[in-house]
């Protein structure tokens, strides 16, 4: 198949070198994230217990503060899981 006069083919863009991480480094990072997630889950469970105890003793200000801290930890856990799953795909 011939090209019309004056039409040139475009060269594919030069690709940037892709940085490939060592598989063992990735496994170690994943294991760190899994351990950290387990620690955060344990902290969340402790906060749940403390929140319930504070509510039972009608210490609602403390319960509210702990609920805020719990939400921060839940957000951190979600971010960690999203990052871990994103790296796996």
Protein backbone atom coordinates (compact mmCIF):
# COMPACT_ATOMS: atom_id res chain seq x y z
CA UNK A 1 0.00 0.00 0.00
CA UNK A 2 1.45 3.34 -1.00
CA UNK A 3 1.20 6.62 0.86
CA UNK A 4 -0.08 9.80 -0.72
CA UNK A 5 2.65 12.25 -1.65
CA UNK A 6 3.81 14.47 1.20
CA UNK A 7 2.48 12.18 3.98
CA UNK A 8 5.08 10.99 6.43
CA UNK A 9 4.71 8.34 9.07
CA UNK A 10 5.13 9.42 12.64
CA UNK A 11 7.75 7.82 14.79
CA UNK A 12 6.40 6.36 18.00
CA UNK A 13 7.24 8.53 20.99
CA UNK A 14 10.35 7.52 22.86
CA UNK A 15 9.25 5.83 26.04
CA UNK A 16 10.76 6.82 29.32
CA UNK A 17 12.65 4.07 31.09
CA UNK A 18 10.39 2.33 33.55
CA UNK A 19 11.77 1.93 37.03
CA UNK A 20 11.23 -1.64 38.14
CA UNK A 21 11.41 -2.39 41.82
CA UNK A 22 12.95 -5.57 43.07
CA UNK A 23 10.27 -8.21 43.74
CA UNK A 24 11.68 -8.84 47.20
CA UNK A 25 11.45 -5.12 48.02
CA UNK A 26 7.81 -5.13 46.93
CA UNK A 27 7.08 -8.20 49.08
CA UNK A 28 8.72 -6.59 52.10
CA UNK A 29 6.72 -3.40 51.57
CA UNK A 30 3.50 -5.40 51.26
CA UNK A 31 4.31 -7.32 54.45
CA UNK A 32 5.00 -4.03 56.27
CA UNK A 33 1.64 -2.67 55.15
CA UNK A 34 -0.20 -5.82 56.23
CA UNK A 35 1.46 -5.68 59.68
CA UNK A 36 0.67 -1.97 60.03
CA UNK A 37 -2.94 -2.58 59.00
CA UNK A 38 -3.26 -5.24 61.71
CA UNK A 39 -1.85 -2.80 64.28
CA UNK A 40 -4.30 -0.09 63.20
CA UNK A 41 -7.21 -2.55 63.38
CA UNK A 42 -6.20 -3.47 66.95
CA UNK A 43 -6.04 0.24 67.87
CA UNK A 44 -9.50 0.77 66.37
CA UNK A 45 -10.87 -2.15 68.42
CA UNK A 46 -9.34 -0.70 71.59
CA UNK A 47 -10.89 2.67 70.81
CA UNK A 48 -14.29 1.02 70.30
CA UNK A 49 -14.05 -0.52 73.75
CA UNK A 50 -12.95 2.77 75.30
CA UNK A 51 -15.72 4.68 73.51
CA UNK A 52 -18.33 2.27 74.84
CA UNK A 53 -16.94 2.54 78.36
CA UNK A 54 -16.94 6.35 78.14
CA UNK A 55 -20.56 6.36 76.97
CA UNK A 56 -21.61 3.99 79.76
CA UNK A 57 -20.06 6.36 82.29
CA UNK A 58 -21.69 9.31 80.49
CA UNK A 59 -18.33 10.83 79.62
CA UNK A 60 -19.49 11.97 76.21
CA UNK A 61 -16.72 14.51 75.63
CA UNK A 62 -14.07 11.81 75.94
CA UNK A 63 -16.15 9.48 73.76
CA UNK A 64 -16.38 12.18 71.11
CA UNK A 65 -12.61 12.75 71.15
CA UNK A 66 -11.97 9.02 70.85
CA UNK A 67 -14.48 8.77 68.02
CA UNK A 68 -12.53 11.45 66.14
CA UNK A 69 -9.30 9.54 66.71
CA UNK A 70 -10.99 6.32 65.60
CA UNK A 71 -12.13 7.98 62.36
CA UNK A 72 -8.58 9.14 61.66
CA UNK A 73 -7.32 5.60 62.14
CA UNK A 74 -10.06 4.18 59.92
CA UNK A 75 -9.09 6.68 57.20
CA UNK A 76 -5.43 5.69 57.59
CA UNK A 77 -6.39 2.02 57.33
CA UNK A 78 -8.44 2.64 54.21
CA UNK A 79 -5.59 4.60 52.60
CA UNK A 80 -3.14 1.84 53.44
CA UNK A 81 -5.38 -0.84 51.96
CA UNK A 82 -6.06 1.21 48.86
CA UNK A 83 -2.35 1.73 48.35
CA UNK A 84 -1.57 -1.93 48.89
CA UNK A 85 -4.27 -3.15 46.52
CA UNK A 86 -3.38 -0.49 43.97
CA UNK A 87 0.23 -1.73 43.93
CA UNK A 88 -0.89 -5.32 43.48
CA UNK A 89 -2.85 -4.63 40.30
